[in-house]
N, C-alpha and C. Protein backbone atom coordinates (compact mmCIF):
# COMPACT_ATOMS: atom_id res chain seq x y z
N MET A 1 -7.20 37.73 1.52
CA MET A 1 -8.03 36.61 1.13
C MET A 1 -9.50 36.99 1.23
N THR A 2 -10.28 36.58 0.24
CA THR A 2 -11.70 36.89 0.20
C THR A 2 -12.45 35.97 1.17
N SER A 3 -13.40 36.56 1.87
CA SER A 3 -14.22 35.75 2.80
C SER A 3 -15.44 35.20 2.08
N HIS A 4 -15.86 34.03 2.56
CA HIS A 4 -17.05 33.36 2.01
C HIS A 4 -18.01 33.08 3.14
N ALA A 5 -19.26 33.30 2.88
CA ALA A 5 -20.29 33.04 3.85
C ALA A 5 -21.42 32.26 3.18
N ILE A 6 -22.36 31.80 3.98
CA ILE A 6 -23.49 31.06 3.44
C ILE A 6 -24.73 31.54 4.16
N ARG A 7 -25.83 31.60 3.41
CA ARG A 7 -27.10 32.05 4.00
C ARG A 7 -28.25 31.27 3.35
N PRO A 8 -29.39 31.24 4.00
CA PRO A 8 -30.54 30.55 3.40
C PRO A 8 -30.99 31.24 2.13
N VAL A 9 -31.47 30.45 1.18
CA VAL A 9 -32.09 30.97 -0.02
C VAL A 9 -33.42 31.57 0.38
N THR A 10 -33.81 32.67 -0.25
CA THR A 10 -35.13 33.28 -0.05
C THR A 10 -35.76 33.50 -1.43
N GLU A 11 -37.04 33.88 -1.42
CA GLU A 11 -37.70 34.19 -2.69
C GLU A 11 -37.05 35.38 -3.38
N ALA A 12 -36.36 36.22 -2.62
CA ALA A 12 -35.68 37.38 -3.23
C ALA A 12 -34.53 36.92 -4.15
N ASP A 13 -34.12 35.67 -4.03
CA ASP A 13 -33.06 35.12 -4.89
C ASP A 13 -33.60 34.55 -6.20
N ALA A 14 -34.87 34.68 -6.45
CA ALA A 14 -35.51 34.02 -7.59
C ALA A 14 -34.83 34.32 -8.91
N GLU A 15 -34.59 35.57 -9.21
CA GLU A 15 -34.02 35.90 -10.51
C GLU A 15 -32.59 35.35 -10.67
N LEU A 16 -31.80 35.49 -9.62
CA LEU A 16 -30.44 34.97 -9.63
C LEU A 16 -30.42 33.46 -9.85
N LEU A 17 -31.22 32.72 -9.11
CA LEU A 17 -31.25 31.26 -9.23
C LEU A 17 -31.82 30.83 -10.56
N PHE A 18 -32.79 31.58 -11.09
CA PHE A 18 -33.37 31.31 -12.39
C PHE A 18 -32.27 31.41 -13.48
N THR A 19 -31.45 32.46 -13.39
CA THR A 19 -30.37 32.66 -14.37
C THR A 19 -29.37 31.53 -14.27
N TRP A 20 -28.97 31.16 -13.04
CA TRP A 20 -28.00 30.07 -12.87
C TRP A 20 -28.59 28.76 -13.39
N ARG A 21 -29.85 28.47 -13.08
CA ARG A 21 -30.49 27.21 -13.47
C ARG A 21 -30.59 27.05 -14.97
N ASN A 22 -30.84 28.15 -15.69
CA ASN A 22 -31.02 28.10 -17.12
C ASN A 22 -29.76 28.41 -17.92
N ASP A 23 -28.65 28.56 -17.24
CA ASP A 23 -27.36 28.78 -17.92
C ASP A 23 -27.07 27.57 -18.82
N PRO A 24 -26.64 27.79 -20.07
CA PRO A 24 -26.40 26.68 -21.01
C PRO A 24 -25.45 25.60 -20.46
N GLU A 25 -24.40 26.01 -19.76
CA GLU A 25 -23.45 25.02 -19.23
C GLU A 25 -24.11 24.20 -18.09
N THR A 26 -24.93 24.85 -17.28
CA THR A 26 -25.67 24.13 -16.24
C THR A 26 -26.61 23.12 -16.86
N LEU A 27 -27.36 23.56 -17.88
CA LEU A 27 -28.30 22.65 -18.56
C LEU A 27 -27.60 21.47 -19.18
N ARG A 28 -26.42 21.69 -19.72
CA ARG A 28 -25.65 20.65 -20.37
C ARG A 28 -25.43 19.45 -19.45
N TRP A 29 -25.20 19.70 -18.17
CA TRP A 29 -24.85 18.66 -17.21
C TRP A 29 -26.01 18.23 -16.31
N SER A 30 -27.16 18.86 -16.46
CA SER A 30 -28.27 18.61 -15.55
C SER A 30 -29.09 17.37 -15.98
N ARG A 31 -29.79 16.79 -15.03
CA ARG A 31 -30.74 15.71 -15.34
C ARG A 31 -31.91 16.26 -16.15
N GLN A 32 -32.33 17.48 -15.80
CA GLN A 32 -33.40 18.15 -16.56
C GLN A 32 -32.71 19.16 -17.48
N GLN A 33 -32.54 18.79 -18.75
CA GLN A 33 -31.73 19.59 -19.64
C GLN A 33 -32.51 20.66 -20.42
N GLN A 34 -33.79 20.78 -20.12
CA GLN A 34 -34.60 21.82 -20.76
C GLN A 34 -34.67 23.03 -19.83
N PRO A 35 -34.63 24.25 -20.38
CA PRO A 35 -34.80 25.42 -19.53
C PRO A 35 -36.15 25.39 -18.83
N VAL A 36 -36.22 25.96 -17.65
CA VAL A 36 -37.50 26.05 -16.94
C VAL A 36 -38.08 27.43 -17.19
N SER A 37 -39.41 27.51 -17.19
CA SER A 37 -40.05 28.80 -17.35
C SER A 37 -39.99 29.58 -16.04
N TRP A 38 -40.15 30.89 -16.15
CA TRP A 38 -40.11 31.76 -14.96
C TRP A 38 -41.21 31.33 -13.98
N ASP A 39 -42.42 31.11 -14.49
CA ASP A 39 -43.54 30.73 -13.59
C ASP A 39 -43.28 29.41 -12.89
N ASP A 40 -42.77 28.42 -13.62
CA ASP A 40 -42.46 27.12 -12.99
C ASP A 40 -41.34 27.28 -11.96
N HIS A 41 -40.36 28.11 -12.28
CA HIS A 41 -39.27 28.35 -11.36
C HIS A 41 -39.78 28.99 -10.06
N LEU A 42 -40.64 29.99 -10.20
CA LEU A 42 -41.18 30.65 -8.98
C LEU A 42 -41.99 29.71 -8.12
N ARG A 43 -42.82 28.88 -8.77
CA ARG A 43 -43.60 27.88 -8.03
C ARG A 43 -42.67 26.94 -7.27
N TRP A 44 -41.66 26.43 -7.98
CA TRP A 44 -40.70 25.51 -7.37
C TRP A 44 -39.96 26.17 -6.21
N LEU A 45 -39.47 27.40 -6.41
CA LEU A 45 -38.71 28.07 -5.39
C LEU A 45 -39.56 28.34 -4.14
N ARG A 46 -40.79 28.80 -4.32
CA ARG A 46 -41.68 29.05 -3.18
C ARG A 46 -41.88 27.75 -2.39
N ALA A 47 -42.13 26.66 -3.09
CA ALA A 47 -42.33 25.40 -2.39
C ALA A 47 -41.05 24.93 -1.70
N THR A 48 -39.93 25.12 -2.36
CA THR A 48 -38.64 24.72 -1.83
C THR A 48 -38.31 25.48 -0.56
N CYS A 49 -38.58 26.77 -0.54
CA CYS A 49 -38.27 27.61 0.63
C CYS A 49 -39.11 27.18 1.85
N ARG A 50 -40.24 26.54 1.62
CA ARG A 50 -41.10 26.08 2.74
C ARG A 50 -40.89 24.61 3.07
N ASP A 51 -40.10 23.89 2.27
CA ASP A 51 -39.95 22.45 2.40
C ASP A 51 -38.94 22.10 3.51
N ASP A 52 -39.45 21.47 4.57
CA ASP A 52 -38.56 21.11 5.68
C ASP A 52 -37.71 19.86 5.38
N GLN A 53 -37.84 19.32 4.18
CA GLN A 53 -37.01 18.20 3.75
C GLN A 53 -35.86 18.67 2.83
N ARG A 54 -35.68 19.98 2.79
CA ARG A 54 -34.60 20.56 1.97
C ARG A 54 -33.85 21.61 2.78
N VAL A 55 -32.53 21.64 2.58
CA VAL A 55 -31.69 22.73 3.07
C VAL A 55 -31.13 23.36 1.78
N TYR A 56 -31.42 24.66 1.58
CA TYR A 56 -31.03 25.33 0.34
C TYR A 56 -30.34 26.63 0.73
N ARG A 57 -29.10 26.80 0.27
CA ARG A 57 -28.30 27.95 0.67
C ARG A 57 -27.63 28.61 -0.54
N VAL A 58 -27.33 29.90 -0.34
CA VAL A 58 -26.55 30.67 -1.29
C VAL A 58 -25.17 30.90 -0.65
N VAL A 59 -24.14 30.68 -1.44
CA VAL A 59 -22.77 30.95 -1.03
C VAL A 59 -22.37 32.33 -1.50
N LEU A 60 -21.83 33.13 -0.60
CA LEU A 60 -21.45 34.50 -0.91
C LEU A 60 -19.93 34.61 -0.88
N GLU A 61 -19.41 35.40 -1.80
CA GLU A 61 -18.02 35.82 -1.80
C GLU A 61 -18.02 37.30 -1.49
N GLY A 62 -17.66 37.65 -0.27
CA GLY A 62 -17.95 38.99 0.22
C GLY A 62 -19.45 39.15 0.30
N GLU A 63 -20.00 40.09 -0.45
CA GLU A 63 -21.46 40.28 -0.50
C GLU A 63 -22.08 39.71 -1.77
N THR A 64 -21.27 39.12 -2.63
CA THR A 64 -21.74 38.68 -3.96
C THR A 64 -22.11 37.19 -3.96
N PRO A 65 -23.34 36.85 -4.37
CA PRO A 65 -23.69 35.45 -4.50
C PRO A 65 -22.87 34.82 -5.64
N VAL A 66 -22.26 33.64 -5.33
CA VAL A 66 -21.42 32.97 -6.34
C VAL A 66 -21.84 31.53 -6.58
N ALA A 67 -22.68 30.97 -5.72
CA ALA A 67 -23.08 29.55 -5.89
C ALA A 67 -24.27 29.26 -5.01
N SER A 68 -24.90 28.14 -5.26
CA SER A 68 -25.94 27.63 -4.37
C SER A 68 -25.65 26.16 -4.09
N VAL A 69 -26.09 25.72 -2.94
CA VAL A 69 -25.97 24.31 -2.56
C VAL A 69 -27.27 23.90 -1.92
N ARG A 70 -27.80 22.75 -2.34
CA ARG A 70 -29.08 22.28 -1.84
C ARG A 70 -28.95 20.81 -1.43
N TYR A 71 -29.57 20.47 -0.32
CA TYR A 71 -29.62 19.09 0.16
C TYR A 71 -31.08 18.68 0.26
N ASP A 72 -31.40 17.52 -0.31
CA ASP A 72 -32.74 16.94 -0.27
C ASP A 72 -32.67 15.60 0.48
N ARG A 73 -33.51 15.43 1.49
CA ARG A 73 -33.57 14.16 2.22
C ARG A 73 -34.01 13.06 1.25
N LEU A 74 -33.36 11.90 1.39
CA LEU A 74 -33.65 10.78 0.51
C LEU A 74 -34.43 9.64 1.14
N ASP A 75 -34.50 9.63 2.45
CA ASP A 75 -35.19 8.51 3.12
C ASP A 75 -36.00 9.03 4.31
N ASP A 76 -36.93 8.19 4.75
CA ASP A 76 -37.82 8.60 5.84
C ASP A 76 -37.08 8.90 7.13
N ALA A 77 -36.00 8.18 7.36
CA ALA A 77 -35.23 8.42 8.60
C ALA A 77 -34.39 9.70 8.49
N GLY A 78 -34.19 10.15 7.24
CA GLY A 78 -33.47 11.40 7.02
C GLY A 78 -31.97 11.32 7.16
N HIS A 79 -31.42 10.08 7.16
CA HIS A 79 -29.99 9.95 7.36
C HIS A 79 -29.19 10.09 6.04
N ARG A 80 -29.87 10.10 4.91
CA ARG A 80 -29.21 10.25 3.63
C ARG A 80 -29.80 11.48 2.93
N VAL A 81 -28.92 12.27 2.29
CA VAL A 81 -29.38 13.42 1.52
C VAL A 81 -28.68 13.42 0.17
N GLU A 82 -29.32 14.05 -0.82
CA GLU A 82 -28.69 14.27 -2.11
C GLU A 82 -28.30 15.74 -2.20
N ILE A 83 -27.09 15.99 -2.67
CA ILE A 83 -26.57 17.34 -2.82
C ILE A 83 -26.69 17.80 -4.26
N SER A 84 -26.96 19.09 -4.44
CA SER A 84 -26.95 19.73 -5.71
C SER A 84 -26.21 21.05 -5.59
N VAL A 85 -25.23 21.30 -6.43
CA VAL A 85 -24.41 22.51 -6.38
C VAL A 85 -24.51 23.19 -7.72
N LEU A 86 -24.76 24.50 -7.68
CA LEU A 86 -24.69 25.34 -8.89
C LEU A 86 -23.70 26.46 -8.64
N VAL A 87 -22.77 26.66 -9.57
CA VAL A 87 -21.81 27.76 -9.45
C VAL A 87 -22.13 28.75 -10.56
N ALA A 88 -22.18 30.03 -10.21
CA ALA A 88 -22.46 31.08 -11.20
C ALA A 88 -21.43 31.01 -12.33
N ALA A 89 -21.87 31.26 -13.55
CA ALA A 89 -20.98 31.15 -14.70
C ALA A 89 -19.71 31.96 -14.52
N GLU A 90 -19.86 33.19 -14.01
CA GLU A 90 -18.68 34.06 -13.84
C GLU A 90 -17.76 33.66 -12.70
N SER A 91 -18.17 32.67 -11.91
CA SER A 91 -17.39 32.23 -10.77
C SER A 91 -16.75 30.85 -10.98
N ARG A 92 -17.00 30.25 -12.11
CA ARG A 92 -16.44 28.91 -12.37
C ARG A 92 -14.93 28.96 -12.57
N GLY A 93 -14.29 27.87 -12.20
CA GLY A 93 -12.84 27.75 -12.39
C GLY A 93 -12.00 28.46 -11.31
N ARG A 94 -12.66 28.90 -10.22
CA ARG A 94 -11.96 29.61 -9.15
C ARG A 94 -12.03 28.91 -7.79
N GLY A 95 -12.44 27.66 -7.79
CA GLY A 95 -12.52 26.91 -6.52
C GLY A 95 -13.79 27.15 -5.74
N ILE A 96 -14.77 27.81 -6.33
CA ILE A 96 -16.02 28.11 -5.63
C ILE A 96 -16.80 26.83 -5.33
N GLY A 97 -16.74 25.85 -6.23
CA GLY A 97 -17.42 24.58 -5.99
C GLY A 97 -16.94 23.92 -4.69
N SER A 98 -15.61 23.93 -4.47
CA SER A 98 -15.08 23.34 -3.25
C SER A 98 -15.53 24.12 -2.01
N ILE A 99 -15.55 25.43 -2.10
CA ILE A 99 -16.00 26.24 -1.01
C ILE A 99 -17.49 25.97 -0.73
N ALA A 100 -18.29 25.83 -1.79
CA ALA A 100 -19.71 25.53 -1.62
C ALA A 100 -19.91 24.18 -0.91
N LEU A 101 -19.11 23.17 -1.30
CA LEU A 101 -19.20 21.88 -0.63
C LEU A 101 -18.85 21.99 0.84
N ARG A 102 -17.77 22.65 1.16
CA ARG A 102 -17.31 22.76 2.55
C ARG A 102 -18.30 23.57 3.40
N ARG A 103 -18.71 24.74 2.90
CA ARG A 103 -19.64 25.58 3.67
C ARG A 103 -21.02 24.92 3.75
N GLY A 104 -21.43 24.28 2.67
CA GLY A 104 -22.72 23.60 2.70
C GLY A 104 -22.76 22.46 3.68
N GLU A 105 -21.69 21.68 3.73
CA GLU A 105 -21.67 20.57 4.68
C GLU A 105 -21.65 21.06 6.13
N GLN A 106 -20.93 22.13 6.41
CA GLN A 106 -20.95 22.73 7.73
C GLN A 106 -22.36 23.13 8.13
N ASP A 107 -23.02 23.78 7.20
CA ASP A 107 -24.39 24.25 7.46
C ASP A 107 -25.36 23.08 7.60
N LEU A 108 -25.20 22.05 6.75
CA LEU A 108 -26.03 20.85 6.80
C LEU A 108 -25.91 20.21 8.19
N ARG A 109 -24.72 20.10 8.70
CA ARG A 109 -24.51 19.43 9.99
C ARG A 109 -25.18 20.19 11.11
N CYS A 110 -25.28 21.51 11.01
CA CYS A 110 -26.00 22.28 12.02
C CYS A 110 -27.51 22.11 11.87
N ALA A 111 -27.97 22.12 10.62
CA ALA A 111 -29.42 22.03 10.36
C ALA A 111 -29.92 20.60 10.62
N TRP A 112 -29.20 19.59 10.20
CA TRP A 112 -29.62 18.20 10.31
C TRP A 112 -28.45 17.37 10.84
N PRO A 113 -28.22 17.36 12.14
CA PRO A 113 -27.06 16.62 12.69
C PRO A 113 -27.20 15.10 12.56
N ASP A 114 -28.41 14.59 12.19
CA ASP A 114 -28.61 13.16 12.04
C ASP A 114 -28.21 12.62 10.68
N VAL A 115 -27.79 13.48 9.76
CA VAL A 115 -27.39 13.01 8.42
C VAL A 115 -26.02 12.34 8.50
N GLY A 116 -25.94 11.15 7.92
CA GLY A 116 -24.69 10.41 7.92
C GLY A 116 -24.12 10.12 6.55
N ARG A 117 -24.91 10.43 5.50
CA ARG A 117 -24.46 10.12 4.13
C ARG A 117 -24.97 11.17 3.15
N ILE A 118 -24.07 11.66 2.34
CA ILE A 118 -24.42 12.63 1.28
C ILE A 118 -24.15 11.96 -0.06
N VAL A 119 -25.13 12.06 -0.95
CA VAL A 119 -25.07 11.42 -2.26
C VAL A 119 -25.06 12.50 -3.32
N ALA A 120 -24.21 12.34 -4.32
CA ALA A 120 -24.15 13.25 -5.46
C ALA A 120 -24.37 12.41 -6.74
N VAL A 121 -25.24 12.91 -7.63
CA VAL A 121 -25.45 12.27 -8.91
C VAL A 121 -24.88 13.19 -9.97
N VAL A 122 -23.91 12.69 -10.74
CA VAL A 122 -23.13 13.50 -11.68
C VAL A 122 -23.20 12.92 -13.07
N ASN A 123 -23.35 13.77 -14.05
CA ASN A 123 -23.29 13.33 -15.44
C ASN A 123 -21.91 12.69 -15.65
N ARG A 124 -21.89 11.50 -16.21
CA ARG A 124 -20.61 10.77 -16.34
C ARG A 124 -19.59 11.50 -17.18
N ASP A 125 -19.99 12.40 -18.05
CA ASP A 125 -19.06 13.14 -18.89
C ASP A 125 -18.58 14.45 -18.25
N ASN A 126 -19.12 14.79 -17.07
CA ASN A 126 -18.75 16.01 -16.39
C ASN A 126 -17.55 15.74 -15.47
N VAL A 127 -16.37 15.71 -16.06
CA VAL A 127 -15.15 15.34 -15.35
C VAL A 127 -14.86 16.32 -14.22
N ALA A 128 -15.06 17.62 -14.43
CA ALA A 128 -14.79 18.61 -13.39
C ALA A 128 -15.64 18.37 -12.17
N SER A 129 -16.91 18.09 -12.37
CA SER A 129 -17.81 17.85 -11.22
C SER A 129 -17.42 16.58 -10.48
N ARG A 130 -17.12 15.53 -11.24
CA ARG A 130 -16.73 14.27 -10.61
C ARG A 130 -15.47 14.51 -9.76
N HIS A 131 -14.49 15.19 -10.30
CA HIS A 131 -13.24 15.48 -9.54
C HIS A 131 -13.50 16.33 -8.32
N LEU A 132 -14.41 17.29 -8.44
CA LEU A 132 -14.78 18.14 -7.29
C LEU A 132 -15.25 17.28 -6.13
N PHE A 133 -16.18 16.37 -6.39
CA PHE A 133 -16.72 15.55 -5.33
C PHE A 133 -15.69 14.54 -4.81
N GLU A 134 -14.92 13.96 -5.73
CA GLU A 134 -13.88 13.01 -5.28
C GLU A 134 -12.85 13.67 -4.40
N ARG A 135 -12.44 14.88 -4.70
CA ARG A 135 -11.48 15.61 -3.86
C ARG A 135 -12.05 15.89 -2.49
N ASP A 136 -13.38 15.96 -2.39
CA ASP A 136 -14.02 16.22 -1.08
C ASP A 136 -14.37 14.92 -0.35
N GLY A 137 -13.90 13.79 -0.81
CA GLY A 137 -14.11 12.54 -0.10
C GLY A 137 -15.25 11.69 -0.58
N TYR A 138 -15.93 12.08 -1.65
CA TYR A 138 -17.01 11.25 -2.19
C TYR A 138 -16.37 10.10 -2.99
N ARG A 139 -17.00 8.93 -2.93
CA ARG A 139 -16.50 7.76 -3.62
C ARG A 139 -17.59 7.20 -4.53
N LEU A 140 -17.18 6.67 -5.67
CA LEU A 140 -18.10 6.12 -6.65
C LEU A 140 -18.86 4.94 -6.06
N GLN A 141 -20.18 4.99 -6.18
CA GLN A 141 -21.06 3.94 -5.68
C GLN A 141 -21.73 3.17 -6.79
N ARG A 142 -22.07 3.88 -7.89
CA ARG A 142 -22.83 3.25 -8.96
C ARG A 142 -22.59 4.00 -10.25
N GLU A 143 -22.63 3.26 -11.37
CA GLU A 143 -22.50 3.86 -12.69
C GLU A 143 -23.63 3.33 -13.56
N ASP A 144 -24.16 4.19 -14.44
CA ASP A 144 -25.01 3.69 -15.51
C ASP A 144 -24.60 4.42 -16.77
N GLN A 145 -25.39 4.34 -17.83
CA GLN A 145 -24.97 4.90 -19.10
C GLN A 145 -24.73 6.39 -19.07
N ALA A 146 -25.52 7.14 -18.28
CA ALA A 146 -25.38 8.59 -18.29
C ALA A 146 -24.93 9.18 -16.97
N TRP A 147 -25.09 8.47 -15.85
CA TRP A 147 -24.90 9.08 -14.53
C TRP A 147 -23.99 8.27 -13.63
N LEU A 148 -23.26 8.98 -12.79
CA LEU A 148 -22.45 8.37 -11.75
C LEU A 148 -23.08 8.79 -10.42
N THR A 149 -23.14 7.84 -9.49
CA THR A 149 -23.58 8.18 -8.14
C THR A 149 -22.35 8.05 -7.21
N LEU A 150 -22.04 9.17 -6.55
CA LEU A 150 -20.95 9.21 -5.62
C LEU A 150 -21.51 9.48 -4.23
N ALA A 151 -20.86 9.01 -3.19
CA ALA A 151 -21.37 9.20 -1.85
C ALA A 151 -20.23 9.46 -0.87
N LYS A 152 -20.58 10.15 0.19
CA LYS A 152 -19.64 10.48 1.25
C LYS A 152 -20.33 10.20 2.57
N THR A 153 -19.63 9.50 3.47
CA THR A 153 -20.15 9.26 4.82
C THR A 153 -19.59 10.33 5.72
N ILE A 154 -20.47 10.92 6.53
CA ILE A 154 -20.03 11.92 7.49
C ILE A 154 -20.41 11.44 8.88
N ASP A 155 -19.63 11.88 9.87
CA ASP A 155 -19.91 11.49 11.25
C ASP A 155 -21.19 12.16 11.74
N LEU A 156 -22.01 11.37 12.42
CA LEU A 156 -23.21 11.94 13.02
C LEU A 156 -22.80 12.79 14.21
N ILE A 157 -23.52 13.86 14.44
CA ILE A 157 -23.28 14.71 15.61
C ILE A 157 -24.09 14.15 16.76
N PRO A 158 -23.48 13.83 17.87
CA PRO A 158 -24.27 13.29 19.02
C PRO A 158 -25.33 14.28 19.48
N PRO A 159 -26.44 13.79 20.01
CA PRO A 159 -27.49 14.70 20.51
C PRO A 159 -26.91 15.65 21.53
N GLY A 160 -27.35 16.90 21.46
CA GLY A 160 -26.87 17.92 22.38
C GLY A 160 -25.57 18.60 21.97
N HIS A 161 -24.99 18.19 20.79
CA HIS A 161 -23.72 18.78 20.37
C HIS A 161 -23.84 19.54 19.05
N GLY A 162 -25.01 19.95 18.67
CA GLY A 162 -25.17 20.68 17.41
C GLY A 162 -26.62 20.66 17.01
N GLY A 163 -26.90 21.18 15.82
CA GLY A 163 -28.23 21.12 15.27
C GLY A 163 -29.10 22.30 15.62
N SER A 164 -28.50 23.48 15.74
CA SER A 164 -29.31 24.64 16.09
C SER A 164 -29.70 25.50 14.91
N GLY A 165 -29.28 25.17 13.72
CA GLY A 165 -29.64 25.97 12.54
C GLY A 165 -28.41 26.34 11.74
N PRO A 166 -28.60 27.22 10.74
CA PRO A 166 -27.50 27.53 9.82
C PRO A 166 -26.37 28.23 10.55
N THR A 167 -25.16 27.93 10.09
CA THR A 167 -23.97 28.51 10.72
C THR A 167 -23.84 29.99 10.40
N GLY A 168 -24.07 30.37 9.14
CA GLY A 168 -24.00 31.76 8.74
C GLY A 168 -22.61 32.37 8.94
N GLY A 169 -21.64 31.59 9.33
CA GLY A 169 -20.32 32.11 9.65
C GLY A 169 -19.55 32.48 8.39
N VAL A 170 -18.39 33.02 8.61
CA VAL A 170 -17.54 33.45 7.53
C VAL A 170 -16.35 32.52 7.44
N ASP A 171 -15.95 32.22 6.22
CA ASP A 171 -14.82 31.35 5.95
C ASP A 171 -13.89 32.10 5.01
N SER A 172 -12.62 32.11 5.29
CA SER A 172 -11.70 32.85 4.46
C SER A 172 -11.10 31.99 3.37
N GLY A 173 -11.71 30.80 3.12
CA GLY A 173 -11.20 29.89 2.11
C GLY A 173 -11.34 30.41 0.77
């Protein structure tokens, strides 16, 4: 069985993340459906790597990056976050999205133990993405013409029982 790990995104990941972000299938389902320029991407990534209101990780299969998962705080108290998952084109259809959700949530709980709700916004026509989140316990909260909002409640970690940073561990899922 192949092992999967997770690590923080760095600026060294810029080219990889740029390719994933501008992939035609990614753009098809994104809120921002226009490709981003290299300069805009670099500016965004540099700011994101320094942003303490974001947890941004790369999922590895062995040593190979196969996905990214990002959490953005949604409220001042920080108890709600929005998740964004990107799976590399060559890794789609192999369960990597589920692994990214599982590993990302483990890492999120270590980084921000006070988070109690994760929100996903999905293009209503992206059936695969909707099913991915629903299989992981997310439930439909809101619908509009183009987007579905799904949410998952997670147990808060009591003070003193977690929150020391990224897990970085290996998962054989």
